[in-house]
Amino acid sequence: MLEAVRRLGEPPLAPTPDEARTTLRRELVDPQYYDQDLLQRVLDWLQRRIDGTVEGASSLPALTWLAVTLIVVGLLVALGLLLSRARRGARRADATRAVLTREAVTAAELRSRAEQALAEERFGDAVVDGFRAVAVSQVERGRLDDAPGSTAHEVAVALETQYPLAADAVEDAARLFDAVMYGDRPAVRADAEAVLALDGRLRSTR
């Protein structure tokens, strides 16, 4: 960054658009930016560069000042594109967290996968496929809307209205799904058995 600041502070300044994009990418890969205030840090950096440029503008030729302005605009556009791609990547990651997905699979197939995982002591897989079996089974019965992208919490809320007596078990299974799938919590046999038992309980309820 110091080298980028030194170049911005020493007229004349007329880097090419490719050099400007390279400079921005070099700044953004710095580990210091990878935290929750990434956008604010980058905006502050740009503001400091702009302020320093404005202060020295009186001593710069008109064409050089125009070049500086175009570079700043180019940096802002490039930053916007990078952040947009990052957000799209985050949305794609969130989509993989859904209980109901676009996978063409029946509840029976999911149940079989969960039981196989349980037999092989892959308890985390048994919990995940078991809870998905619960959701798909209720879609097949018409008790739950077929809405790909639905989260465990959304599925639980919908099922609790359909099965009030099993509300606590449904909520526990949904929290377990999230903890195993996204919280890296190791599941145990009892967890997998509880989810599969919930599936059987709801299927037997008229």
N, C-alpha and C. Protein backbone atom coordinates (compact mmCIF):
# COMPACT_ATOMS: atom_id res chain seq x y z
N MET A 1 0.83 -1.21 0.00
CA MET A 1 0.00 0.00 0.00
C MET A 1 0.86 1.25 0.00
N LEU A 2 2.00 1.22 0.73
CA LEU A 2 2.86 2.40 0.79
C LEU A 2 3.36 2.78 -0.59
N GLU A 3 3.67 1.72 -1.39
CA GLU A 3 4.15 2.02 -2.75
C GLU A 3 3.05 2.66 -3.58
N ALA A 4 1.77 2.18 -3.40
CA ALA A 4 0.65 2.76 -4.13
C ALA A 4 0.44 4.20 -3.71
N VAL A 5 0.57 4.49 -2.41
CA VAL A 5 0.40 5.87 -1.92
C VAL A 5 1.50 6.76 -2.48
N ARG A 6 2.76 6.22 -2.50
CA ARG A 6 3.87 7.03 -3.01
C ARG A 6 3.67 7.40 -4.46
N ARG A 7 3.14 6.43 -5.25
CA ARG A 7 2.91 6.72 -6.66
C ARG A 7 1.82 7.75 -6.84
N LEU A 8 0.76 7.67 -6.01
CA LEU A 8 -0.33 8.64 -6.10
C LEU A 8 0.12 10.03 -5.68
N GLY A 9 1.11 10.10 -4.82
CA GLY A 9 1.53 11.41 -4.31
C GLY A 9 2.63 12.05 -5.11
N GLU A 10 3.15 11.40 -6.19
CA GLU A 10 4.26 11.94 -6.96
C GLU A 10 3.83 12.19 -8.40
N PRO A 11 3.50 13.44 -8.76
CA PRO A 11 3.12 13.77 -10.13
C PRO A 11 4.34 13.66 -11.05
N PRO A 12 4.16 13.42 -12.35
CA PRO A 12 2.85 13.20 -12.95
C PRO A 12 2.37 11.76 -12.72
N LEU A 13 1.06 11.56 -12.68
CA LEU A 13 0.47 10.24 -12.43
C LEU A 13 -0.44 9.90 -13.59
N ALA A 14 -0.06 8.91 -14.37
CA ALA A 14 -0.90 8.52 -15.51
C ALA A 14 -0.81 7.03 -15.74
N PRO A 15 -1.17 6.20 -14.72
CA PRO A 15 -1.16 4.74 -14.92
C PRO A 15 -2.26 4.33 -15.89
N THR A 16 -2.05 3.20 -16.52
CA THR A 16 -3.06 2.68 -17.44
C THR A 16 -4.21 2.07 -16.64
N PRO A 17 -5.37 1.85 -17.27
CA PRO A 17 -6.49 1.19 -16.56
C PRO A 17 -6.09 -0.17 -16.00
N ASP A 18 -5.27 -0.95 -16.77
CA ASP A 18 -4.83 -2.26 -16.28
C ASP A 18 -4.00 -2.11 -15.01
N GLU A 19 -3.12 -1.09 -14.99
CA GLU A 19 -2.30 -0.86 -13.78
C GLU A 19 -3.18 -0.47 -12.60
N ALA A 20 -4.22 0.32 -12.87
CA ALA A 20 -5.13 0.72 -11.79
C ALA A 20 -5.85 -0.49 -11.23
N ARG A 21 -6.33 -1.38 -12.12
CA ARG A 21 -7.03 -2.57 -11.64
C ARG A 21 -6.08 -3.48 -10.88
N THR A 22 -4.84 -3.61 -11.36
CA THR A 22 -3.86 -4.44 -10.67
C THR A 22 -3.58 -3.92 -9.27
N THR A 23 -3.46 -2.59 -9.16
CA THR A 23 -3.22 -1.97 -7.85
C THR A 23 -4.37 -2.26 -6.89
N LEU A 24 -5.61 -2.14 -7.38
CA LEU A 24 -6.77 -2.41 -6.53
C LEU A 24 -6.79 -3.87 -6.08
N ARG A 25 -6.54 -4.79 -7.02
CA ARG A 25 -6.54 -6.21 -6.65
C ARG A 25 -5.46 -6.51 -5.61
N ARG A 26 -4.28 -5.89 -5.78
CA ARG A 26 -3.19 -6.10 -4.82
C ARG A 26 -3.60 -5.64 -3.43
N GLU A 27 -4.31 -4.52 -3.38
CA GLU A 27 -4.76 -4.02 -2.08
C GLU A 27 -5.80 -4.95 -1.46
N LEU A 28 -6.72 -5.44 -2.30
CA LEU A 28 -7.84 -6.22 -1.76
C LEU A 28 -7.43 -7.61 -1.29
N VAL A 29 -6.30 -8.15 -1.77
CA VAL A 29 -5.87 -9.46 -1.31
C VAL A 29 -5.08 -9.38 -0.02
N ASP A 30 -4.80 -8.18 0.46
CA ASP A 30 -4.11 -8.01 1.74
C ASP A 30 -5.00 -8.58 2.84
N PRO A 31 -4.48 -9.50 3.69
CA PRO A 31 -5.30 -10.13 4.75
C PRO A 31 -5.97 -9.15 5.68
N GLN A 32 -5.41 -7.93 5.84
CA GLN A 32 -6.00 -6.99 6.77
C GLN A 32 -7.42 -6.59 6.36
N TYR A 33 -7.76 -6.77 5.07
CA TYR A 33 -9.08 -6.37 4.64
C TYR A 33 -10.13 -7.44 4.89
N TYR A 34 -9.73 -8.67 5.21
CA TYR A 34 -10.70 -9.74 5.31
C TYR A 34 -11.33 -9.81 6.69
N ASP A 35 -12.15 -8.83 6.96
CA ASP A 35 -12.94 -8.84 8.17
C ASP A 35 -14.25 -8.15 7.88
N GLN A 36 -15.06 -7.91 8.90
CA GLN A 36 -16.42 -7.44 8.69
C GLN A 36 -16.49 -6.04 8.12
N ASP A 37 -15.43 -5.19 8.33
CA ASP A 37 -15.51 -3.83 7.82
C ASP A 37 -14.67 -3.65 6.57
N LEU A 38 -14.66 -4.66 5.69
CA LEU A 38 -13.92 -4.59 4.43
C LEU A 38 -14.30 -3.36 3.63
N LEU A 39 -15.61 -3.15 3.42
CA LEU A 39 -16.04 -2.03 2.60
C LEU A 39 -15.60 -0.71 3.20
N GLN A 40 -15.76 -0.56 4.52
CA GLN A 40 -15.39 0.70 5.15
C GLN A 40 -13.89 0.96 5.03
N ARG A 41 -13.07 -0.07 5.19
CA ARG A 41 -11.62 0.09 5.08
C ARG A 41 -11.22 0.56 3.68
N VAL A 42 -11.82 -0.08 2.67
CA VAL A 42 -11.47 0.30 1.30
C VAL A 42 -11.92 1.71 0.99
N LEU A 43 -13.16 2.05 1.44
CA LEU A 43 -13.66 3.40 1.20
C LEU A 43 -12.80 4.44 1.90
N ASP A 44 -12.35 4.14 3.12
CA ASP A 44 -11.46 5.06 3.83
C ASP A 44 -10.15 5.24 3.08
N TRP A 45 -9.62 4.14 2.56
CA TRP A 45 -8.37 4.22 1.80
C TRP A 45 -8.55 5.09 0.57
N LEU A 46 -9.65 4.88 -0.15
CA LEU A 46 -9.91 5.69 -1.34
C LEU A 46 -10.09 7.16 -0.97
N GLN A 47 -10.78 7.41 0.16
CA GLN A 47 -10.99 8.79 0.58
C GLN A 47 -9.68 9.49 0.88
N ARG A 48 -8.75 8.76 1.53
CA ARG A 48 -7.44 9.35 1.82
C ARG A 48 -6.68 9.66 0.54
N ARG A 49 -6.80 8.76 -0.43
CA ARG A 49 -6.11 9.00 -1.71
C ARG A 49 -6.71 10.22 -2.42
N ILE A 50 -8.06 10.29 -2.38
CA ILE A 50 -8.71 11.42 -3.05
C ILE A 50 -8.36 12.74 -2.38
N ASP A 51 -8.37 12.75 -1.02
CA ASP A 51 -8.05 13.97 -0.29
C ASP A 51 -6.63 14.43 -0.61
N GLY A 52 -5.69 13.47 -0.62
CA GLY A 52 -4.32 13.83 -0.92
C GLY A 52 -4.16 14.34 -2.34
N THR A 53 -4.93 13.78 -3.24
CA THR A 53 -4.86 14.22 -4.64
C THR A 53 -5.41 15.62 -4.81
N VAL A 54 -6.53 15.89 -4.12
CA VAL A 54 -7.14 17.22 -4.22
C VAL A 54 -6.20 18.29 -3.69
N GLU A 55 -5.50 17.98 -2.57
CA GLU A 55 -4.60 18.96 -1.99
C GLU A 55 -3.46 19.33 -2.94
N GLY A 56 -3.01 18.34 -3.74
CA GLY A 56 -1.91 18.63 -4.64
C GLY A 56 -2.36 18.96 -6.06
N ALA A 57 -3.66 19.10 -6.26
CA ALA A 57 -4.18 19.29 -7.61
C ALA A 57 -3.71 20.60 -8.23
N SER A 58 -3.52 21.63 -7.41
CA SER A 58 -3.16 22.94 -7.96
C SER A 58 -1.82 22.93 -8.66
N SER A 59 -0.97 21.96 -8.28
CA SER A 59 0.36 21.91 -8.90
C SER A 59 0.43 20.94 -10.07
N LEU A 60 -0.69 20.27 -10.37
CA LEU A 60 -0.70 19.29 -11.44
C LEU A 60 -1.23 19.88 -12.74
N PRO A 61 -0.68 19.45 -13.88
CA PRO A 61 -1.24 19.88 -15.16
C PRO A 61 -2.67 19.37 -15.31
N ALA A 62 -3.44 20.05 -16.17
CA ALA A 62 -4.85 19.69 -16.34
C ALA A 62 -5.03 18.25 -16.79
N LEU A 63 -4.20 17.79 -17.73
CA LEU A 63 -4.33 16.42 -18.22
C LEU A 63 -4.03 15.39 -17.14
N THR A 64 -3.06 15.72 -16.28
CA THR A 64 -2.73 14.80 -15.20
C THR A 64 -3.88 14.72 -14.20
N TRP A 65 -4.49 15.86 -13.89
CA TRP A 65 -5.64 15.88 -12.98
C TRP A 65 -6.79 15.07 -13.57
N LEU A 66 -7.00 15.16 -14.87
CA LEU A 66 -8.05 14.38 -15.52
C LEU A 66 -7.74 12.89 -15.41
N ALA A 67 -6.46 12.55 -15.59
CA ALA A 67 -6.07 11.14 -15.49
C ALA A 67 -6.33 10.60 -14.08
N VAL A 68 -6.01 11.42 -13.06
CA VAL A 68 -6.25 11.02 -11.68
C VAL A 68 -7.73 10.78 -11.45
N THR A 69 -8.56 11.68 -11.94
CA THR A 69 -10.01 11.54 -11.77
C THR A 69 -10.51 10.26 -12.41
N LEU A 70 -10.06 9.98 -13.63
CA LEU A 70 -10.48 8.77 -14.33
C LEU A 70 -10.03 7.51 -13.60
N ILE A 71 -8.84 7.56 -13.03
CA ILE A 71 -8.34 6.40 -12.29
C ILE A 71 -9.19 6.14 -11.05
N VAL A 72 -9.52 7.19 -10.32
CA VAL A 72 -10.35 7.03 -9.12
C VAL A 72 -11.71 6.44 -9.49
N VAL A 73 -12.32 6.96 -10.57
CA VAL A 73 -13.60 6.42 -11.02
C VAL A 73 -13.46 4.95 -11.39
N GLY A 74 -12.36 4.63 -12.09
CA GLY A 74 -12.13 3.24 -12.47
C GLY A 74 -11.97 2.33 -11.27
N LEU A 75 -11.27 2.83 -10.24
CA LEU A 75 -11.12 2.05 -9.01
C LEU A 75 -12.46 1.79 -8.34
N LEU A 76 -13.30 2.82 -8.30
CA LEU A 76 -14.62 2.66 -7.67
C LEU A 76 -15.47 1.66 -8.43
N VAL A 77 -15.42 1.72 -9.77
CA VAL A 77 -16.19 0.77 -10.57
C VAL A 77 -15.68 -0.65 -10.35
N ALA A 78 -14.35 -0.82 -10.33
CA ALA A 78 -13.78 -2.14 -10.11
C ALA A 78 -14.14 -2.67 -8.73
N LEU A 79 -14.12 -1.79 -7.73
CA LEU A 79 -14.50 -2.20 -6.38
C LEU A 79 -15.94 -2.66 -6.34
N GLY A 80 -16.83 -1.91 -7.02
CA GLY A 80 -18.23 -2.30 -7.06
C GLY A 80 -18.42 -3.66 -7.67
N LEU A 81 -17.68 -3.95 -8.75
CA LEU A 81 -17.79 -5.26 -9.41
C LEU A 81 -17.29 -6.38 -8.50
N LEU A 82 -16.17 -6.13 -7.81
CA LEU A 82 -15.64 -7.15 -6.90
C LEU A 82 -16.60 -7.47 -5.76
N LEU A 83 -17.17 -6.42 -5.17
CA LEU A 83 -18.11 -6.63 -4.07
C LEU A 83 -19.37 -7.31 -4.55
N SER A 84 -19.82 -6.99 -5.76
CA SER A 84 -21.01 -7.62 -6.32
C SER A 84 -20.78 -9.12 -6.50
N ARG A 85 -19.61 -9.48 -7.00
CA ARG A 85 -19.30 -10.90 -7.17
C ARG A 85 -19.22 -11.60 -5.82
N ALA A 86 -18.67 -10.91 -4.82
CA ALA A 86 -18.57 -11.50 -3.48
C ALA A 86 -19.95 -11.78 -2.91
N ARG A 87 -20.89 -10.82 -3.13
CA ARG A 87 -22.24 -11.02 -2.61
C ARG A 87 -22.94 -12.19 -3.31
N ARG A 88 -22.73 -12.30 -4.65
CA ARG A 88 -23.34 -13.41 -5.37
C ARG A 88 -22.79 -14.73 -4.87
N GLY A 89 -21.48 -14.76 -4.56
CA GLY A 89 -20.89 -15.98 -4.02
C GLY A 89 -21.49 -16.33 -2.67
N ALA A 90 -21.73 -15.30 -1.84
CA ALA A 90 -22.34 -15.54 -0.53
C ALA A 90 -23.75 -16.07 -0.68
N ARG A 91 -24.51 -15.52 -1.66
CA ARG A 91 -25.88 -16.01 -1.87
C ARG A 91 -25.87 -17.46 -2.33
N ARG A 92 -24.89 -17.82 -3.20
CA ARG A 92 -24.82 -19.22 -3.64
C ARG A 92 -24.49 -20.12 -2.46
N ALA A 93 -23.60 -19.66 -1.58
CA ALA A 93 -23.26 -20.46 -0.40
C ALA A 93 -24.48 -20.65 0.49
N ASP A 94 -25.28 -19.59 0.68
CA ASP A 94 -26.48 -19.69 1.50
C ASP A 94 -27.47 -20.68 0.90
N ALA A 95 -27.54 -20.72 -0.45
CA ALA A 95 -28.50 -21.60 -1.11
C ALA A 95 -28.20 -23.06 -0.79
N THR A 96 -26.91 -23.41 -0.56
CA THR A 96 -26.57 -24.79 -0.26
C THR A 96 -26.98 -25.18 1.16
N ARG A 97 -27.39 -24.21 1.96
CA ARG A 97 -27.79 -24.50 3.33
C ARG A 97 -29.25 -24.90 3.44
N ALA A 98 -29.96 -24.91 2.37
CA ALA A 98 -31.39 -25.18 2.41
C ALA A 98 -31.67 -26.64 2.75
N VAL A 99 -32.82 -26.85 3.39
CA VAL A 99 -33.28 -28.22 3.66
C VAL A 99 -33.94 -28.76 2.40
N LEU A 100 -34.87 -27.98 1.84
CA LEU A 100 -35.51 -28.37 0.59
C LEU A 100 -34.67 -27.83 -0.56
N THR A 101 -34.14 -28.72 -1.36
CA THR A 101 -33.29 -28.33 -2.48
C THR A 101 -33.96 -28.74 -3.79
N ARG A 102 -33.28 -28.45 -4.88
CA ARG A 102 -33.81 -28.83 -6.19
C ARG A 102 -33.38 -30.24 -6.60
N GLU A 103 -32.74 -30.94 -5.69
CA GLU A 103 -32.34 -32.31 -5.98
C GLU A 103 -33.58 -33.18 -6.19
N ALA A 104 -33.59 -33.93 -7.28
CA ALA A 104 -34.73 -34.81 -7.58
C ALA A 104 -34.58 -36.09 -6.76
N VAL A 105 -35.09 -36.07 -5.56
CA VAL A 105 -34.96 -37.22 -4.66
C VAL A 105 -36.24 -37.34 -3.84
N THR A 106 -36.65 -38.57 -3.58
CA THR A 106 -37.86 -38.81 -2.80
C THR A 106 -37.51 -38.92 -1.32
N ALA A 107 -38.56 -38.84 -0.50
CA ALA A 107 -38.35 -38.99 0.94
C ALA A 107 -37.82 -40.38 1.25
N ALA A 108 -38.32 -41.39 0.53
CA ALA A 108 -37.86 -42.76 0.77
C ALA A 108 -36.37 -42.89 0.48
N GLU A 109 -35.90 -42.24 -0.59
CA GLU A 109 -34.48 -42.30 -0.92
C GLU A 109 -33.64 -41.59 0.15
N LEU A 110 -34.10 -40.45 0.61
CA LEU A 110 -33.39 -39.73 1.66
C LEU A 110 -33.37 -40.54 2.95
N ARG A 111 -34.50 -41.18 3.25
CA ARG A 111 -34.59 -41.99 4.46
C ARG A 111 -33.62 -43.17 4.38
N SER A 112 -33.56 -43.78 3.21
CA SER A 112 -32.65 -44.91 3.02
C SER A 112 -31.19 -44.47 3.17
N ARG A 113 -30.86 -43.29 2.63
CA ARG A 113 -29.52 -42.76 2.77
C ARG A 113 -29.19 -42.50 4.24
N ALA A 114 -30.16 -41.95 4.96
CA ALA A 114 -29.94 -41.67 6.38
C ALA A 114 -29.73 -42.95 7.18
N GLU A 115 -30.53 -43.97 6.88
CA GLU A 115 -30.41 -45.23 7.60
C GLU A 115 -29.08 -45.91 7.28
N GLN A 116 -28.64 -45.80 6.01
CA GLN A 116 -27.35 -46.37 5.63
C GLN A 116 -26.22 -45.64 6.35
N ALA A 117 -26.32 -44.31 6.42
CA ALA A 117 -25.30 -43.53 7.12
C ALA A 117 -25.26 -43.90 8.60
N LEU A 118 -26.42 -44.11 9.19
CA LEU A 118 -26.48 -44.51 10.59
C LEU A 118 -25.80 -45.86 10.79
N ALA A 119 -26.08 -46.80 9.88
CA ALA A 119 -25.47 -48.13 9.99
C ALA A 119 -23.96 -48.05 9.85
N GLU A 120 -23.49 -47.09 9.07
CA GLU A 120 -22.04 -46.94 8.86
C GLU A 120 -21.41 -45.96 9.86
N GLU A 121 -22.21 -45.54 10.84
CA GLU A 121 -21.77 -44.63 11.90
C GLU A 121 -21.33 -43.27 11.36
N ARG A 122 -21.92 -42.86 10.25
CA ARG A 122 -21.74 -41.49 9.75
C ARG A 122 -22.94 -40.68 10.26
N PHE A 123 -22.89 -40.37 11.54
CA PHE A 123 -24.05 -39.81 12.21
C PHE A 123 -24.43 -38.42 11.70
N GLY A 124 -23.44 -37.62 11.31
CA GLY A 124 -23.75 -36.30 10.76
C GLY A 124 -24.55 -36.40 9.47
N ASP A 125 -24.12 -37.31 8.57
CA ASP A 125 -24.86 -37.51 7.32
C ASP A 125 -26.27 -38.04 7.60
N ALA A 126 -26.38 -38.88 8.60
CA ALA A 126 -27.69 -39.44 8.95
C ALA A 126 -28.63 -38.33 9.43
N VAL A 127 -28.11 -37.39 10.22
CA VAL A 127 -28.92 -36.27 10.70
C VAL A 127 -29.39 -35.40 9.53
N VAL A 128 -28.47 -35.07 8.63
CA VAL A 128 -28.80 -34.18 7.51
C VAL A 128 -29.81 -34.83 6.58
N ASP A 129 -29.53 -36.04 6.14
CA ASP A 129 -30.47 -36.70 5.22
C ASP A 129 -31.77 -37.06 5.94
N GLY A 130 -31.66 -37.36 7.23
CA GLY A 130 -32.87 -37.69 7.98
C GLY A 130 -33.82 -36.51 8.08
N PHE A 131 -33.28 -35.32 8.37
CA PHE A 131 -34.16 -34.16 8.47
C PHE A 131 -34.69 -33.76 7.10
N ARG A 132 -33.89 -33.92 6.07
CA ARG A 132 -34.40 -33.65 4.73
C ARG A 132 -35.50 -34.65 4.36
N ALA A 133 -35.37 -35.87 4.82
CA ALA A 133 -36.43 -36.85 4.59
C ALA A 133 -37.71 -36.42 5.28
N VAL A 134 -37.59 -35.86 6.48
CA VAL A 134 -38.77 -35.34 7.19
C VAL A 134 -39.45 -34.29 6.33
N ALA A 135 -38.68 -33.33 5.81
CA ALA A 135 -39.25 -32.24 5.03
C ALA A 135 -39.88 -32.73 3.73
N VAL A 136 -39.15 -33.56 2.97
CA VAL A 136 -39.65 -34.03 1.68
C VAL A 136 -40.87 -34.92 1.88
N SER A 137 -40.86 -35.71 2.93
CA SER A 137 -42.02 -36.56 3.22
C SER A 137 -43.28 -35.73 3.41
N GLN A 138 -43.16 -34.61 4.12
CA GLN A 138 -44.32 -33.76 4.36
C GLN A 138 -44.73 -32.99 3.10
N VAL A 139 -43.78 -32.72 2.22
CA VAL A 139 -44.13 -32.15 0.92
C VAL A 139 -44.96 -33.16 0.14
N GLU A 140 -44.52 -34.40 0.15
CA GLU A 140 -45.22 -35.46 -0.58
C GLU A 140 -46.62 -35.68 -0.02
N ARG A 141 -46.80 -35.44 1.26
CA ARG A 141 -48.12 -35.60 1.88
C ARG A 141 -48.99 -34.36 1.74
N GLY A 142 -48.43 -33.30 1.20
CA GLY A 142 -49.19 -32.06 1.04
C GLY A 142 -49.28 -31.23 2.31
N ARG A 143 -48.47 -31.56 3.28
CA ARG A 143 -48.48 -30.82 4.55
C ARG A 143 -47.47 -29.66 4.56
N LEU A 144 -46.62 -29.62 3.55
CA LEU A 144 -45.56 -28.61 3.49
C LEU A 144 -45.41 -28.17 2.04
N ASP A 145 -45.24 -26.88 1.84
CA ASP A 145 -45.07 -26.35 0.48
C ASP A 145 -43.72 -26.79 -0.09
N ASP A 146 -43.73 -27.13 -1.37
CA ASP A 146 -42.50 -27.49 -2.06
C ASP A 146 -41.80 -26.19 -2.46
N ALA A 147 -40.94 -25.70 -1.58
CA ALA A 147 -40.27 -24.41 -1.79
C ALA A 147 -38.76 -24.61 -1.66
N PRO A 148 -38.09 -24.98 -2.78
CA PRO A 148 -36.62 -25.14 -2.73
C PRO A 148 -35.97 -23.89 -2.17
N GLY A 149 -35.02 -24.10 -1.27
CA GLY A 149 -34.36 -22.97 -0.63
C GLY A 149 -34.83 -22.76 0.79
N SER A 150 -35.89 -23.48 1.20
CA SER A 150 -36.40 -23.33 2.57
C SER A 150 -35.35 -23.79 3.58
N THR A 151 -35.20 -23.03 4.65
CA THR A 151 -34.23 -23.36 5.69
C THR A 151 -34.85 -24.28 6.72
N ALA A 152 -34.02 -24.80 7.59
CA ALA A 152 -34.51 -25.69 8.64
C ALA A 152 -35.50 -24.96 9.54
N HIS A 153 -35.23 -23.71 9.84
CA HIS A 153 -36.14 -22.94 10.69
C HIS A 153 -37.49 -22.76 10.01
N GLU A 154 -37.47 -22.45 8.72
CA GLU A 154 -38.73 -22.25 7.99
C GLU A 154 -39.53 -23.54 7.92
N VAL A 155 -38.85 -24.65 7.70
CA VAL A 155 -39.53 -25.95 7.69
C VAL A 155 -40.13 -26.25 9.06
N ALA A 156 -39.37 -25.98 10.11
CA ALA A 156 -39.85 -26.26 11.46
C ALA A 156 -41.09 -25.43 11.79
N VAL A 157 -41.07 -24.15 11.46
CA VAL A 157 -42.23 -23.29 11.73
C VAL A 157 -43.47 -23.82 11.03
N ALA A 158 -43.31 -24.23 9.77
CA ALA A 158 -44.46 -24.75 9.02
C ALA A 158 -44.97 -26.06 9.61
N LEU A 159 -44.06 -26.94 10.00
CA LEU A 159 -44.48 -28.24 10.52
C LEU A 159 -45.07 -28.14 11.92
N GLU A 160 -44.63 -27.17 12.69
CA GLU A 160 -45.17 -27.02 14.04
C GLU A 160 -46.65 -26.68 14.02
N THR A 161 -47.09 -25.97 12.98
CA THR A 161 -48.53 -25.67 12.87
C THR A 161 -49.31 -26.91 12.45
N GLN A 162 -48.67 -27.81 11.72
CA GLN A 162 -49.33 -29.04 11.28
C GLN A 162 -49.32 -30.11 12.37
N TYR A 163 -48.27 -30.12 13.18
CA TYR A 163 -48.11 -31.15 14.22
C TYR A 163 -47.79 -30.48 15.55
N PRO A 164 -48.74 -29.81 16.16
CA PRO A 164 -48.46 -29.08 17.41
C PRO A 164 -47.94 -29.97 18.53
N LEU A 165 -48.38 -31.22 18.57
CA LEU A 165 -47.93 -32.11 19.64
C LEU A 165 -46.46 -32.52 19.47
N ALA A 166 -45.96 -32.38 18.26
CA ALA A 166 -44.56 -32.74 18.00
C ALA A 166 -43.69 -31.51 17.82
N ALA A 167 -44.21 -30.34 18.20
CA ALA A 167 -43.51 -29.08 17.95
C ALA A 167 -42.11 -29.06 18.57
N ASP A 168 -41.98 -29.54 19.80
CA ASP A 168 -40.67 -29.50 20.44
C ASP A 168 -39.66 -30.39 19.71
N ALA A 169 -40.11 -31.57 19.31
CA ALA A 169 -39.22 -32.50 18.61
C ALA A 169 -38.82 -31.94 17.25
N VAL A 170 -39.76 -31.29 16.57
CA VAL A 170 -39.45 -30.68 15.27
C VAL A 170 -38.42 -29.57 15.43
N GLU A 171 -38.63 -28.72 16.43
CA GLU A 171 -37.70 -27.62 16.67
C GLU A 171 -36.31 -28.14 17.03
N ASP A 172 -36.25 -29.17 17.85
CA ASP A 172 -34.96 -29.75 18.23
C ASP A 172 -34.24 -30.32 17.01
N ALA A 173 -34.99 -31.00 16.14
CA ALA A 173 -34.40 -31.60 14.94
C ALA A 173 -33.88 -30.51 14.00
N ALA A 174 -34.62 -29.40 13.87
CA ALA A 174 -34.19 -28.30 13.00
C ALA A 174 -32.91 -27.67 13.53
N ARG A 175 -32.83 -27.44 14.83
CA ARG A 175 -31.62 -26.88 15.42
C ARG A 175 -30.44 -27.83 15.25
N LEU A 176 -30.70 -29.13 15.38
CA LEU A 176 -29.65 -30.13 15.22
C LEU A 176 -29.14 -30.13 13.78
N PHE A 177 -30.06 -30.05 12.82
CA PHE A 177 -29.68 -29.99 11.41
C PHE A 177 -28.71 -28.82 11.17
N ASP A 178 -29.09 -27.64 11.64
CA ASP A 178 -28.25 -26.45 11.45
C ASP A 178 -26.89 -26.61 12.15
N ALA A 179 -26.91 -27.15 13.35
CA ALA A 179 -25.67 -27.30 14.12
C ALA A 179 -24.70 -28.26 13.44
N VAL A 180 -25.24 -29.34 12.89
CA VAL A 180 -24.39 -30.34 12.23
C VAL A 180 -23.95 -29.85 10.87
N MET A 181 -24.89 -29.25 10.13
CA MET A 181 -24.61 -28.85 8.75
C MET A 181 -23.70 -27.63 8.68
N TYR A 182 -23.94 -26.64 9.54
CA TYR A 182 -23.24 -25.37 9.42
C TYR A 182 -22.40 -24.99 10.63
N GLY A 183 -22.63 -25.67 11.75
CA GLY A 183 -21.88 -25.34 12.94
C GLY A 183 -20.75 -26.30 13.22
N ASP A 184 -20.56 -27.27 12.31
CA ASP A 184 -19.49 -28.26 12.47
C ASP A 184 -19.60 -29.02 13.79
N ARG A 185 -20.83 -29.16 14.27
CA ARG A 185 -21.01 -29.94 15.50
C ARG A 185 -21.02 -31.42 15.16
N PRO A 186 -20.20 -32.21 15.82
CA PRO A 186 -20.22 -33.65 15.55
C PRO A 186 -21.51 -34.27 16.10
N ALA A 187 -22.17 -35.06 15.28
CA ALA A 187 -23.40 -35.73 15.72
C ALA A 187 -23.05 -37.08 16.34
N VAL A 188 -23.95 -37.55 17.17
CA VAL A 188 -23.79 -38.87 17.78
C VAL A 188 -24.95 -39.75 17.36
N ARG A 189 -24.89 -41.01 17.70
CA ARG A 189 -25.93 -41.95 17.29
C ARG A 189 -27.31 -41.51 17.75
N ALA A 190 -27.40 -41.03 18.98
CA ALA A 190 -28.70 -40.62 19.52
C ALA A 190 -29.31 -39.50 18.69
N ASP A 191 -28.49 -38.60 18.16
CA ASP A 191 -29.00 -37.51 17.33
C ASP A 191 -29.65 -38.06 16.06
N ALA A 192 -28.94 -38.95 15.38
CA ALA A 192 -29.45 -39.53 14.14
C ALA A 192 -30.72 -40.33 14.41
N GLU A 193 -30.71 -41.09 15.48
CA GLU A 193 -31.90 -41.90 15.80
C GLU A 193 -33.10 -41.02 16.12
N ALA A 194 -32.87 -39.88 16.77
CA ALA A 194 -33.97 -38.99 17.12
C ALA A 194 -34.60 -38.39 15.86
N VAL A 195 -33.77 -38.00 14.90
CA VAL A 195 -34.32 -37.42 13.67
C VAL A 195 -35.10 -38.46 12.88
N LEU A 196 -34.58 -39.66 12.77
CA LEU A 196 -35.29 -40.72 12.06
C LEU A 196 -36.58 -41.10 12.78
N ALA A 197 -36.54 -41.06 14.11
CA ALA A 197 -37.76 -41.35 14.88
C ALA A 197 -38.81 -40.28 14.64
N LEU A 198 -38.38 -39.02 14.51
CA LEU A 198 -39.32 -37.93 14.21
C LEU A 198 -39.96 -38.15 12.86
N ASP A 199 -39.17 -38.57 11.88
CA ASP A 199 -39.71 -38.84 10.56
C ASP A 199 -40.81 -39.89 10.64
N GLY A 200 -40.54 -40.99 11.35
CA GLY A 200 -41.55 -42.04 11.50
C GLY A 200 -42.78 -41.56 12.25
N ARG A 201 -42.56 -40.74 13.26
CA ARG A 201 -43.69 -40.22 14.06
C ARG A 201 -44.61 -39.35 13.22
N LEU A 202 -44.03 -38.44 12.43
CA LEU A 202 -44.86 -37.57 11.62
C LEU A 202 -45.56 -38.33 10.51
N ARG A 203 -44.90 -39.33 9.94
CA ARG A 203 -45.54 -40.09 8.87
C ARG A 203 -46.72 -40.92 9.37
N SER A 204 -46.65 -41.30 10.66
CA SER A 204 -47.74 -42.11 11.22
C SER A 204 -48.89 -41.26 11.76
N THR A 205 -48.69 -39.96 11.78
CA THR A 205 -49.74 -39.07 12.27
C THR A 205 -50.67 -38.67 11.13
N ARG A 206 -51.93 -38.85 11.34
CA ARG A 206 -52.92 -38.53 10.30
C ARG A 206 -53.33 -37.06 10.38
